């Protein structure tokens, strides 16, 4: 998934596309170029938080529903339900490589049909297909469930087990985990939601709300064609009451967190290549000795990149932050609820990230404010020439950088792209090409929305008072629901997993003794309660 799904606040991992070229450009090359082209320091503005009140999830009453018959069914189906998760992760579905995509899409569609969804379909797009399913429970209200069935490519080294074997592994301090690609991002929690739904249908005949599942197979590519899937069913979707994304939200310590939105993103390639204007070889790489009389596209690219930030890494593109609106009252209160009394967590967070300090020496509060309310400009990767073992002296004819920018209200992808283009042109880098690979705006739902309140009440039932963030630093295509269709959308669920986009991805299924992390059965119970809590919340008259 292109947004990070760990406890808030922390640093975003999202959107990473696979580099189509040989390897990373040498870090020493970039460092040397930065020394040659350092723009003026561009410190970010201070993010003002004037509100003193803080949102506290404890203000929401715990959900009182009890569905003993459904819980008992889940208990009896424990092995079967775990096998369902294993079946999902054993089916490869790597969108970047088109590996197993068609098979996974059909597996999901068939599962929906088996559960009783009246209408199911594979939805053709200009890329990978979407999956649609509608379950008519004859209810007054309807919930849309967003799913992604694609996963990231497999790392060549570092896995303890076969990434698609669906292995159960005993992890010290955690218990028994399902270790596989997609275990936590997102196949594990999504299939757990369907397990919960199956239990409701088997024991009570139907769920308390109508359900629409709308899945995509390109989330890890930036969801470029998901709007096509949404557009096909737009009239039906607009009649729904909200959108839910099943997700593991517990940290290793068992504490859950919740977020109400995501940052937007623009993801692009910058390429410098030999040409008549800037020089350099135009057809292919040449001998490195020719650097004495030919220009280097590699040097040109890193010098162009160096104009986009200052030496401290702060954005130096004029006007890049001009469109950003200040945090509103609700956002400030949510922020206060996150940081209040949690400064002590800063060292733990830094340690988990393998870092020694926050950017440019920010304190915990300012670093958290930047993650939630500020934009970014990040180099994901650089490729040029030869970076393999040993020596090969060449002058490359092209160099490419992958760059992403996380966007906050009211930035837009095209506006951000235009500002970067203007900056390069103004600095004399008109020949450096920019190719937009993906992009969409930020999205957010209010903490007062019935869907949000329903989810919080279920967290409270399970002894959780999660910090609630207005958004996370990562990105996902929530905007197709919140902006295009005007529907509230949240993510949530119990469960702990880690390693998304990395070796040894896992989801805990049987926690160690004394752990506060939910078992798979408890994860499923949460989803059962959420369906009924949402139904109850929607039946109440609006204040």
Protein backbone atom coordinates (compact mmCIF):
# COMPACT_ATOMS: atom_id res chain seq x y z
CA UNK A 1 0.00 0.00 0.00
CA UNK A 2 1.24 3.41 -0.80
CA UNK A 3 0.46 4.88 2.47
CA UNK A 4 2.03 3.70 5.68
CA UNK A 5 -0.36 1.79 7.86
CA UNK A 6 1.45 1.85 11.15
CA UNK A 7 0.57 3.68 14.33
CA UNK A 8 0.42 7.45 14.12
CA UNK A 9 2.45 9.52 14.14
CA UNK A 10 5.43 8.16 12.24
CA UNK A 11 7.17 8.69 8.95
CA UNK A 12 5.43 7.81 5.72
CA UNK A 13 6.56 5.08 3.42
CA UNK A 14 4.34 5.14 0.58
CA UNK A 15 4.46 5.28 -2.78
CA UNK A 16 7.45 3.54 -4.23
CA UNK A 17 7.54 2.37 -7.80
CA UNK A 18 10.16 -0.13 -8.92
CA UNK A 19 13.09 1.46 -10.72
CA UNK A 20 13.20 0.26 -14.32
CA UNK A 21 16.92 0.74 -14.63
CA UNK A 22 19.99 -1.09 -13.47
CA UNK A 23 20.80 0.31 -9.99
CA UNK A 24 21.22 3.38 -7.80
CA UNK A 25 23.47 6.25 -8.79
CA UNK A 26 26.49 6.57 -6.53
CA UNK A 27 25.81 8.58 -3.37
CA UNK A 28 29.21 10.24 -3.72
CA UNK A 29 28.18 11.62 -7.10
CA UNK A 30 25.13 13.27 -5.58
CA UNK A 31 27.10 14.69 -2.65
CA UNK A 32 29.70 16.23 -4.91
CA UNK A 33 27.03 17.78 -7.12
CA UNK A 34 25.27 19.34 -4.15
CA UNK A 35 28.46 21.16 -3.21
CA UNK A 36 28.51 22.70 -6.67
CA UNK A 37 24.91 23.93 -6.75
CA UNK A 38 23.66 24.99 -3.33
CA UNK A 39 20.68 27.37 -3.38
CA UNK A 40 19.88 29.68 -0.50
CA UNK A 41 18.61 28.16 2.73
CA UNK A 42 14.82 27.77 2.68
CA UNK A 43 13.58 27.04 6.20
CA UNK A 44 9.94 25.88 6.37
CA UNK A 45 7.32 28.09 8.00
CA UNK A 46 6.37 27.41 11.59
CA UNK A 47 3.06 25.54 11.75
CA UNK A 48 0.91 27.45 14.22
CA UNK A 49 -1.29 25.48 16.61
CA UNK A 50 -3.41 28.05 18.46
CA UNK A 51 -5.97 25.61 19.88
CA UNK A 52 -5.36 24.37 23.42
CA UNK A 53 -8.17 21.81 23.55
CA UNK A 54 -7.34 18.23 22.60
CA UNK A 55 -9.54 15.51 21.16
CA UNK A 56 -9.72 12.43 23.39
CA UNK A 57 -11.18 9.18 22.07
CA UNK A 58 -12.27 8.43 25.64
CA UNK A 59 -15.08 10.95 25.06
CA UNK A 60 -16.78 8.33 22.84
CA UNK A 61 -18.85 5.73 24.71
CA UNK A 62 -17.84 2.10 24.20
CA UNK A 63 -20.04 0.10 21.84
CA UNK A 64 -22.42 -2.07 23.88
CA UNK A 65 -23.37 -4.63 21.24
CA UNK A 66 -22.74 -8.30 21.97
CA UNK A 67 -23.10 -10.97 19.28
CA UNK A 68 -22.25 -14.15 21.14
CA UNK A 69 -23.53 -16.46 18.41
CA UNK A 70 -21.33 -14.81 15.79
CA UNK A 71 -18.29 -14.83 18.12
CA UNK A 72 -18.85 -18.53 18.85
CA UNK A 73 -18.93 -19.29 15.14
CA UNK A 74 -15.63 -17.46 14.67
CA UNK A 75 -14.12 -19.55 17.46
CA UNK A 76 -15.18 -22.79 15.80
CA UNK A 77 -13.84 -21.61 12.44
CA UNK A 78 -10.42 -20.57 13.76
CA UNK A 79 -8.34 -22.95 11.62
CA UNK A 80 -10.54 -22.47 8.56
CA UNK A 81 -10.31 -18.68 8.82
CA UNK A 82 -6.53 -18.77 9.15
CA UNK A 83 -6.39 -20.98 6.07
CA UNK A 84 -8.37 -18.34 4.19
CA UNK A 85 -5.65 -15.76 4.92
CA UNK A 86 -2.99 -18.24 3.81
CA UNK A 87 -4.88 -18.94 0.60
CA UNK A 88 -4.88 -15.22 -0.23
CA UNK A 89 -1.19 -14.59 0.44
CA UNK A 90 -0.18 -17.73 -1.46
CA UNK A 91 -1.56 -16.20 -4.64
CA UNK A 92 1.04 -13.75 -6.02
CA UNK A 93 -0.38 -10.46 -7.27
CA UNK A 94 2.56 -8.16 -7.98
CA UNK A 95 1.12 -5.23 -9.90
CA UNK A 96 4.48 -3.78 -10.96
CA UNK A 97 5.35 -7.06 -12.71
CA UNK A 98 1.82 -8.15 -13.69
CA UNK A 99 2.47 -11.38 -11.82
CA UNK A 100 -0.64 -13.26 -10.74
CA UNK A 101 -2.88 -10.22 -11.10
CA UNK A 102 -5.62 -11.87 -13.17
CA UNK A 103 -5.67 -14.90 -10.88
CA UNK A 104 -5.94 -12.83 -7.69
CA UNK A 105 -8.69 -10.66 -9.13
CA UNK A 106 -10.71 -13.75 -9.99
CA UNK A 107 -10.00 -15.29 -6.58
CA UNK A 108 -11.44 -12.19 -4.88
CA UNK A 109 -14.47 -12.06 -7.17
CA UNK A 110 -15.20 -15.76 -6.58
CA UNK A 111 -14.91 -15.32 -2.81
CA UNK A 112 -17.45 -12.48 -2.89
CA UNK A 113 -19.81 -14.61 -4.94
CA UNK A 114 -19.42 -17.52 -2.51
CA UNK A 115 -20.29 -15.19 0.39
CA UNK A 116 -23.56 -14.24 -1.25
CA UNK A 117 -22.78 -11.05 -3.13
CA UNK A 118 -25.56 -10.88 -5.73
CA UNK A 119 -23.61 -8.95 -8.35
CA UNK A 120 -19.89 -9.54 -8.88
CA UNK A 121 -17.67 -8.52 -11.75
CA UNK A 122 -14.13 -8.12 -12.96
CA UNK A 123 -14.04 -4.50 -14.08
CA UNK A 124 -11.79 -3.80 -17.10
CA UNK A 125 -9.64 -0.68 -16.93
CA UNK A 126 -6.79 0.75 -18.98
CA UNK A 127 -4.54 -1.21 -16.62
CA UNK A 128 -5.21 -4.02 -14.14
CA UNK A 129 -8.87 -4.93 -13.55
CA UNK A 130 -10.97 -3.81 -10.63
CA UNK A 131 -13.31 -6.11 -8.71
CA UNK A 132 -16.91 -5.21 -7.85
CA UNK A 133 -19.36 -6.93 -5.58
CA UNK A 134 -22.77 -5.95 -4.19
CA UNK A 135 -24.47 -7.70 -1.27
CA UNK A 136 -28.10 -6.63 -0.85
CA UNK A 137 -29.11 -7.20 2.77
CA UNK A 138 -32.38 -5.30 2.35
CA UNK A 139 -31.00 -2.76 4.81
CA UNK A 140 -31.65 0.95 4.96
CA UNK A 141 -27.95 1.84 4.85
CA UNK A 142 -24.98 0.81 2.71
CA UNK A 143 -21.26 0.56 3.42
CA UNK A 144 -18.61 0.56 0.69
CA UNK A 145 -15.52 -1.53 1.48
CA UNK A 146 -12.38 -0.43 -0.33
CA UNK A 147 -9.84 -3.16 -1.02
CA UNK A 148 -6.56 -3.52 -2.87
CA UNK A 149 -5.55 -6.94 -4.09
CA UNK A 150 -2.05 -6.10 -5.39
CA UNK A 151 1.24 -6.32 -3.51
CA UNK A 152 4.81 -5.07 -3.83
CA UNK A 153 7.60 -7.00 -5.61
CA UNK A 154 9.68 -9.44 -3.59
CA UNK A 155 13.08 -8.38 -2.32
CA UNK A 156 15.90 -10.63 -3.66
CA UNK A 157 17.37 -11.24 -0.19
CA UNK A 158 16.37 -11.06 3.45
CA UNK A 159 13.34 -13.36 3.62
CA UNK A 160 13.31 -16.06 6.30
CA UNK A 161 10.68 -18.02 4.38
CA UNK A 162 9.30 -18.18 0.85
CA UNK A 163 7.38 -14.94 0.45
CA UNK A 164 4.37 -16.71 -1.11
CA UNK A 165 4.36 -19.88 1.01
CA UNK A 166 1.98 -18.46 3.61
CA UNK A 167 4.17 -19.79 6.41
CA UNK A 168 3.40 -19.59 10.12
CA UNK A 169 6.48 -18.46 12.04
CA UNK A 170 7.13 -18.18 15.77
CA UNK A 171 8.51 -14.69 16.34
CA UNK A 172 10.06 -13.92 19.76
CA UNK A 173 8.00 -11.38 21.68
CA UNK A 174 5.17 -11.50 19.16
CA UNK A 175 3.90 -15.08 19.02
CA UNK A 176 2.80 -16.94 15.94
CA UNK A 177 2.72 -14.78 12.82
CA UNK A 178 1.67 -15.27 9.22
CA UNK A 179 4.81 -14.29 7.31
CA UNK A 180 4.27 -13.56 3.63
CA UNK A 181 4.05 -10.76 1.09
CA UNK A 182 0.65 -9.16 1.62
CA UNK A 183 0.22 -10.54 5.15
CA UNK A 184 -0.43 -7.09 6.58
CA UNK A 185 -0.46 -4.96 3.41
CA UNK A 186 -3.35 -5.62 2.84
CA UNK A 187 -4.50 -9.16 2.20
CA UNK A 188 -4.46 -10.30 5.83
CA UNK A 189 -6.83 -7.69 7.32
CA UNK A 190 -9.03 -7.67 4.22
CA UNK A 191 -9.60 -11.44 4.29
CA UNK A 192 -10.15 -11.18 8.08
CA UNK A 193 -12.97 -8.72 7.32
CA UNK A 194 -14.52 -11.22 4.92
CA UNK A 195 -14.15 -13.95 7.58
CA UNK A 196 -16.14 -11.75 9.94
CA UNK A 197 -18.77 -11.11 7.29
CA UNK A 198 -19.06 -14.84 6.60
CA UNK A 199 -19.65 -15.48 10.31
CA UNK A 200 -22.46 -12.90 10.39
CA UNK A 201 -24.12 -14.40 7.29
CA UNK A 202 -23.82 -18.00 8.52
CA UNK A 203 -25.32 -17.22 11.93
CA UNK A 204 -27.78 -14.40 11.18
CA UNK A 205 -28.52 -14.74 7.50
CA UNK A 206 -27.38 -11.29 6.46
CA UNK A 207 -25.33 -8.32 7.69
CA UNK A 208 -26.99 -5.24 9.21
CA UNK A 209 -26.00 -3.05 6.24
CA UNK A 210 -25.79 -3.54 2.50
CA UNK A 211 -22.20 -3.94 1.30
CA UNK A 212 -20.36 -2.88 -1.83
CA UNK A 213 -16.79 -4.13 -2.28
CA UNK A 214 -14.79 -2.11 -4.78
CA UNK A 215 -11.24 -3.38 -5.17
CA UNK A 216 -8.29 -2.34 -7.31
CA UNK A 217 -5.13 -4.07 -8.47
CA UNK A 218 -2.92 -0.99 -8.87
CA UNK A 219 -2.70 0.63 -5.45
CA UNK A 220 1.02 -0.05 -5.31
CA UNK A 221 1.35 1.73 -8.68
CA UNK A 222 -0.41 4.89 -7.50
CA UNK A 223 -3.98 3.82 -8.43
CA UNK A 224 -3.76 5.36 -11.93
CA UNK A 225 -6.89 3.60 -13.22
CA UNK A 226 -9.00 3.18 -10.08
CA UNK A 227 -11.09 6.25 -11.03
CA UNK A 228 -12.32 4.22 -14.02
CA UNK A 229 -13.68 1.56 -11.65
CA UNK A 230 -15.34 4.19 -9.46
CA UNK A 231 -16.86 5.97 -12.47
CA UNK A 232 -18.54 2.78 -13.69
CA UNK A 233 -20.49 2.46 -10.43
CA UNK A 234 -20.66 6.12 -9.42
CA UNK A 235 -24.47 6.36 -9.31
CA UNK A 236 -24.73 3.32 -7.02
CA UNK A 237 -21.81 4.40 -4.84
CA UNK A 238 -23.25 7.86 -4.21
CA UNK A 239 -26.21 6.26 -2.44
CA UNK A 240 -23.89 4.69 0.15
CA UNK A 241 -23.31 6.12 3.63
CA UNK A 242 -19.55 5.76 3.86
CA UNK A 243 -16.42 3.83 2.93
CA UNK A 244 -14.30 1.55 5.11
CA UNK A 245 -10.79 0.18 4.54
CA UNK A 246 -9.88 -2.84 6.76
CA UNK A 247 -6.43 -2.36 8.25
CA UNK A 248 -4.17 -3.52 11.08
CA UNK A 249 -3.71 -0.51 13.36
CA UNK A 250 -2.05 -1.90 16.50
CA UNK A 251 1.61 -1.31 17.20
CA UNK A 252 3.92 -3.96 18.56
CA UNK A 253 2.89 -2.86 22.07
CA UNK A 254 -0.77 -3.47 21.27
CA UNK A 255 -1.80 0.17 21.25
CA UNK A 256 -4.08 1.04 18.34
CA UNK A 257 -4.15 4.28 16.39
CA UNK A 258 -6.57 5.80 13.93
CA UNK A 259 -6.32 8.30 11.09
CA UNK A 260 -9.02 10.13 9.18
CA UNK A 261 -7.26 10.93 5.94
CA UNK A 262 -4.18 10.75 3.77
CA UNK A 263 -1.82 13.10 2.04
CA UNK A 264 -2.00 13.38 -1.71
CA UNK A 265 0.96 12.66 -3.92
CA UNK A 266 2.62 13.50 -7.19
CA UNK A 267 5.17 10.93 -8.36
CA UNK A 268 7.47 11.78 -11.23
CA UNK A 269 10.60 10.90 -13.16
CA UNK A 270 13.24 13.51 -13.96
CA UNK A 271 15.60 12.63 -16.78
CA UNK A 272 18.70 14.31 -18.15
CA UNK A 273 20.18 12.96 -21.36
CA UNK A 274 22.70 14.03 -23.92
CA UNK A 275 21.33 16.67 -26.29
CA UNK A 276 22.46 19.45 -28.60
CA UNK A 277 21.85 22.15 -26.02
CA UNK A 278 23.48 20.85 -22.84
CA UNK A 279 25.89 18.47 -24.53
CA UNK A 280 26.83 14.93 -23.60
CA UNK A 281 26.62 11.69 -25.59
CA UNK A 282 23.19 11.23 -27.18
CA UNK A 283 23.11 7.64 -28.45
CA UNK A 284 24.82 5.52 -25.80
CA UNK A 285 27.38 5.58 -23.01
CA UNK A 286 30.98 6.32 -24.00
CA UNK A 287 34.41 5.85 -22.43
CA UNK A 288 34.87 7.71 -19.14
CA UNK A 289 38.00 9.43 -20.39
CA UNK A 290 35.82 11.47 -22.75
CA UNK A 291 34.57 13.48 -19.78
CA UNK A 292 37.49 15.77 -20.63
CA UNK A 293 35.65 17.01 -23.71
CA UNK A 294 32.00 15.91 -23.33
CA UNK A 295 29.37 17.07 -20.85
CA UNK A 296 27.78 14.62 -18.42
CA UNK A 297 24.00 14.07 -18.20
CA UNK A 298 24.58 12.56 -14.75
CA UNK A 299 26.14 15.74 -13.39
CA UNK A 300 23.41 17.76 -15.05
CA UNK A 301 20.66 15.79 -13.35
CA UNK A 302 22.08 16.03 -9.84
CA UNK A 303 22.75 19.75 -10.31
CA UNK A 304 19.14 20.22 -11.43
CA UNK A 305 17.90 18.28 -8.42
CA UNK A 306 20.04 20.42 -6.13
CA UNK A 307 18.06 23.52 -7.16
CA UNK A 308 14.87 22.06 -5.68
CA UNK A 309 16.05 22.10 -2.06
CA UNK A 310 18.54 23.89 0.11
CA UNK A 311 21.60 22.18 1.61
CA UNK A 312 19.45 21.35 4.65
CA UNK A 313 16.96 19.45 2.50
CA UNK A 314 14.22 22.07 2.88
CA UNK A 315 12.16 22.82 -0.23
CA UNK A 316 13.54 25.76 -2.23
CA UNK A 317 10.94 25.82 -5.02
CA UNK A 318 9.36 29.32 -4.95
CA UNK A 319 5.67 29.27 -4.07
CA UNK A 320 5.59 25.55 -3.30
CA UNK A 321 3.81 26.06 0.01
CA UNK A 322 1.61 28.99 -1.03
CA UNK A 323 -1.53 26.89 -1.56
CA UNK A 324 -1.32 25.09 1.78
CA UNK A 325 -4.14 26.03 4.13
CA UNK A 326 -3.50 26.30 7.85
CA UNK A 327 -4.77 23.50 10.12
CA UNK A 328 -8.40 24.13 11.07
CA UNK A 329 -9.81 23.90 14.58
CA UNK A 330 -10.66 20.19 14.41
CA UNK A 331 -7.25 19.33 12.98
CA UNK A 332 -5.50 21.30 15.70
CA UNK A 333 -7.47 19.53 18.42
CA UNK A 334 -6.66 16.16 16.88
CA UNK A 335 -3.00 17.17 16.72
CA UNK A 336 -3.04 18.14 20.41
CA UNK A 337 -4.55 14.77 21.26
CA UNK A 338 -1.72 13.01 19.44
CA UNK A 339 1.24 14.85 20.92
CA UNK A 340 -0.01 15.60 24.43
CA UNK A 341 1.93 13.55 26.92
CA UNK A 342 3.67 11.56 24.20
CA UNK A 343 6.96 13.42 23.84
CA UNK A 344 8.57 10.48 25.61
CA UNK A 345 7.64 8.31 22.63
CA UNK A 346 9.97 10.28 20.36
CA UNK A 347 13.08 8.28 21.20
CA UNK A 348 11.21 5.02 20.65
CA UNK A 349 9.94 6.19 17.28
CA UNK A 350 13.40 7.31 16.17
CA UNK A 351 14.85 3.98 17.22
CA UNK A 352 12.20 2.08 15.24
CA UNK A 353 13.13 4.13 12.17
CA UNK A 354 16.86 3.67 12.64
CA UNK A 355 17.38 7.42 12.94
CA UNK A 356 19.12 9.63 15.49
CA UNK A 357 17.10 12.84 15.23
CA UNK A 358 14.19 14.51 13.46
CA UNK A 359 14.85 16.53 10.32
CA UNK A 360 17.11 19.53 10.94
CA UNK A 361 16.89 19.08 14.69
CA UNK A 362 13.12 19.58 15.00
CA UNK A 363 11.60 18.61 18.32
CA UNK A 364 8.93 15.92 18.53
CA UNK A 365 6.04 18.38 18.35
CA UNK A 366 7.34 20.24 15.28
CA UNK A 367 8.29 17.00 13.53
CA UNK A 368 4.78 15.64 14.06
CA UNK A 369 3.19 18.88 12.84
CA UNK A 370 5.33 18.71 9.70
CA UNK A 371 4.31 15.13 9.02
CA UNK A 372 0.62 15.96 9.31
CA UNK A 373 0.39 19.45 7.86
CA UNK A 374 3.43 20.13 5.64
CA UNK A 375 4.41 19.02 2.16
CA UNK A 376 7.53 17.09 1.08
CA UNK A 377 9.88 16.74 -1.87
CA UNK A 378 11.73 13.44 -1.80
CA UNK A 379 14.21 11.63 -4.06
CA UNK A 380 13.18 7.97 -4.10
CA UNK A 381 16.03 6.78 -6.29
CA UNK A 382 18.72 7.77 -8.78
CA UNK A 383 19.98 5.66 -11.66
CA UNK A 384 22.74 6.26 -14.18
CA UNK A 385 25.58 4.37 -15.76
CA UNK A 386 27.45 1.55 -14.07
CA UNK A 387 27.18 0.86 -10.33
CA UNK A 388 28.00 -2.85 -10.23
CA UNK A 389 31.01 -4.57 -8.74
CA UNK A 390 34.51 -3.68 -9.82
CA UNK A 391 35.46 -0.96 -12.28
CA UNK A 392 33.85 0.20 -15.49
CA UNK A 393 34.77 3.70 -16.57
CA UNK A 394 31.94 5.14 -18.64
CA UNK A 395 30.25 8.46 -19.30
CA UNK A 396 26.49 7.69 -19.24
CA UNK A 397 24.25 9.22 -21.89
CA UNK A 398 21.23 9.48 -19.55
CA UNK A 399 20.41 9.75 -15.85
CA UNK A 400 17.01 9.34 -14.18
CA UNK A 401 15.63 10.26 -10.76
CA UNK A 402 12.38 9.09 -9.16
CA UNK A 403 10.85 11.90 -7.10
CA UNK A 404 7.70 12.11 -5.02
CA UNK A 405 5.97 14.94 -3.19
CA UNK A 406 3.34 14.41 -0.48
CA UNK A 407 0.58 16.97 -0.78
CA UNK A 408 -1.65 18.55 1.86
CA UNK A 409 -4.78 20.71 1.48
CA UNK A 410 -5.03 22.70 -0.76
CA UNK A 411 -2.15 21.54 -2.97
CA UNK A 412 -2.85 19.68 -6.22
CA UNK A 413 -0.56 17.37 -8.21
CA UNK A 414 -0.59 19.47 -11.38
CA UNK A 415 0.07 22.68 -9.47
CA UNK A 416 3.06 21.11 -7.70
CA UNK A 417 4.39 19.72 -10.97
CA UNK A 418 4.11 23.12 -12.66
CA UNK A 419 6.06 24.82 -9.86
CA UNK A 420 8.87 22.26 -10.13
CA UNK A 421 8.94 22.68 -13.92
CA UNK A 422 9.18 26.46 -13.53
CA UNK A 423 11.98 26.18 -11.00
CA UNK A 424 14.06 24.01 -13.33
CA UNK A 425 13.39 26.29 -16.28
CA UNK A 426 14.32 29.41 -14.30
CA UNK A 427 17.60 27.78 -13.30
CA UNK A 428 18.48 26.88 -16.89
CA UNK A 429 17.47 23.22 -16.86
CA UNK A 430 14.84 23.37 -19.59
CA UNK A 431 16.28 20.20 -21.11
CA UNK A 432 15.65 18.10 -17.99
CA UNK A 433 12.46 16.18 -18.71
CA UNK A 434 9.70 15.61 -16.15
CA UNK A 435 7.30 12.71 -16.55
CA UNK A 436 4.32 12.44 -14.21
CA UNK A 437 3.82 8.80 -13.25
CA UNK A 438 0.93 9.20 -10.82
CA UNK A 439 -0.77 11.75 -8.66
CA UNK A 440 -3.90 12.54 -6.68
CA UNK A 441 -4.98 15.08 -4.05
CA UNK A 442 -5.24 14.63 -0.27
CA UNK A 443 -8.45 13.46 1.39
CA UNK A 444 -9.95 13.60 4.86
CA UNK A 445 -13.07 12.78 6.91
CA UNK A 446 -14.31 14.54 10.05
CA UNK A 447 -13.98 12.98 13.48
CA UNK A 448 -17.66 13.78 14.00
CA UNK A 449 -18.86 11.66 11.04
CA UNK A 450 -21.10 8.72 12.08
CA UNK A 451 -18.67 6.26 10.50
CA UNK A 452 -15.78 7.68 12.55
CA UNK A 453 -17.78 7.69 15.78
CA UNK A 454 -18.94 4.12 15.15
CA UNK A 455 -15.36 2.91 14.71
CA UNK A 456 -14.16 4.76 17.81
CA UNK A 457 -16.93 3.19 19.89
CA UNK A 458 -15.75 -0.27 18.84
CA UNK A 459 -12.14 0.55 19.69
CA UNK A 460 -13.40 1.66 23.11
CA UNK A 461 -15.24 -1.65 23.58
CA UNK A 462 -11.90 -3.41 23.17
CA UNK A 463 -10.15 -1.20 25.73
CA UNK A 464 -8.48 1.09 23.21
CA UNK A 465 -8.45 4.90 23.26
CA UNK A 466 -6.56 5.45 20.02
CA UNK A 467 -4.86 8.73 19.15
CA UNK A 468 -6.71 10.05 16.10
CA UNK A 469 -4.73 11.82 13.39
CA UNK A 470 -6.40 14.04 10.80
CA UNK A 471 -4.24 12.29 8.21
CA UNK A 472 -1.12 10.19 7.90
CA UNK A 473 2.00 11.12 5.99
CA UNK A 474 1.40 8.45 3.37
CA UNK A 475 -0.94 8.43 0.41
CA UNK A 476 -3.90 6.44 -0.91
CA UNK A 477 -6.70 7.20 -3.40
CA UNK A 478 -9.30 8.20 -0.79
CA UNK A 479 -10.14 11.28 -2.84
CA UNK A 480 -12.22 9.24 -5.30
CA UNK A 481 -14.67 8.72 -2.45
CA UNK A 482 -14.35 11.88 -0.36
CA UNK A 483 -14.12 14.39 -3.22
CA UNK A 484 -15.55 12.69 -6.31
CA UNK A 485 -18.47 11.04 -4.51
CA UNK A 486 -18.72 13.11 -1.31
CA UNK A 487 -18.58 10.08 1.01
CA UNK A 488 -16.81 9.85 4.39
CA UNK A 489 -14.00 7.27 4.45
CA UNK A 490 -11.97 5.79 7.28
CA UNK A 491 -9.54 2.94 7.87
CA UNK A 492 -9.53 0.82 10.98
CA UNK A 493 -9.31 -2.51 12.75
CA UNK A 494 -7.40 -4.33 15.42
CA UNK A 495 -4.36 -6.46 14.62
CA UNK A 496 -0.64 -5.91 14.32
CA UNK A 497 1.60 -6.41 11.33
CA UNK A 498 4.82 -4.97 10.00
CA UNK A 499 7.30 -5.22 7.16
CA UNK A 500 5.08 -3.84 4.42
CA UNK A 501 7.25 -3.29 1.31
CA UNK A 502 10.09 -5.17 3.07
CA UNK A 503 11.36 -8.71 3.68
CA UNK A 504 9.60 -10.84 6.32
CA UNK A 505 6.29 -8.99 6.18
CA UNK A 506 4.00 -10.45 8.82
CA UNK A 507 0.66 -10.30 10.64
CA UNK A 508 0.23 -11.66 14.15
CA UNK A 509 -2.38 -14.43 14.30
CA UNK A 510 -1.70 -15.93 17.76
CA UNK A 511 -0.10 -13.33 20.06
CA UNK A 512 2.39 -14.27 22.74
CA UNK A 513 1.15 -14.68 26.30
CA UNK A 514 0.60 -11.31 27.94
CA UNK A 515 0.57 -9.42 24.64
CA UNK A 516 -2.06 -6.75 24.04
CA UNK A 517 -2.00 -7.46 20.30
CA UNK A 518 -5.27 -8.93 19.03
CA UNK A 519 -5.45 -12.48 17.77
CA UNK A 520 -6.95 -13.18 14.36
CA UNK A 521 -10.22 -14.12 16.07
CA UNK A 522 -10.29 -10.79 17.96
CA UNK A 523 -9.55 -8.93 14.73
CA UNK A 524 -12.59 -10.63 13.18
CA UNK A 525 -14.76 -9.77 16.19
CA UNK A 526 -13.84 -6.11 15.79
CA UNK A 527 -15.13 -6.15 12.22
CA UNK A 528 -18.37 -7.86 13.28
CA UNK A 529 -18.96 -5.16 15.89
CA UNK A 530 -18.09 -2.40 13.44
CA UNK A 531 -20.82 -3.49 11.03
CA UNK A 532 -23.43 -3.34 13.78
CA UNK A 533 -22.04 -0.19 15.36
CA UNK A 534 -22.17 1.61 12.04
CA UNK A 535 -25.72 0.43 11.43
CA UNK A 536 -26.76 1.77 14.84
CA UNK A 537 -25.00 5.09 14.32
CA UNK A 538 -26.67 5.66 10.95
CA UNK A 539 -30.12 5.01 12.41
CA UNK A 540 -29.75 7.80 14.96
CA UNK A 541 -31.19 11.19 14.01
CA UNK A 542 -28.57 13.74 13.03
CA UNK A 543 -27.97 16.47 15.67
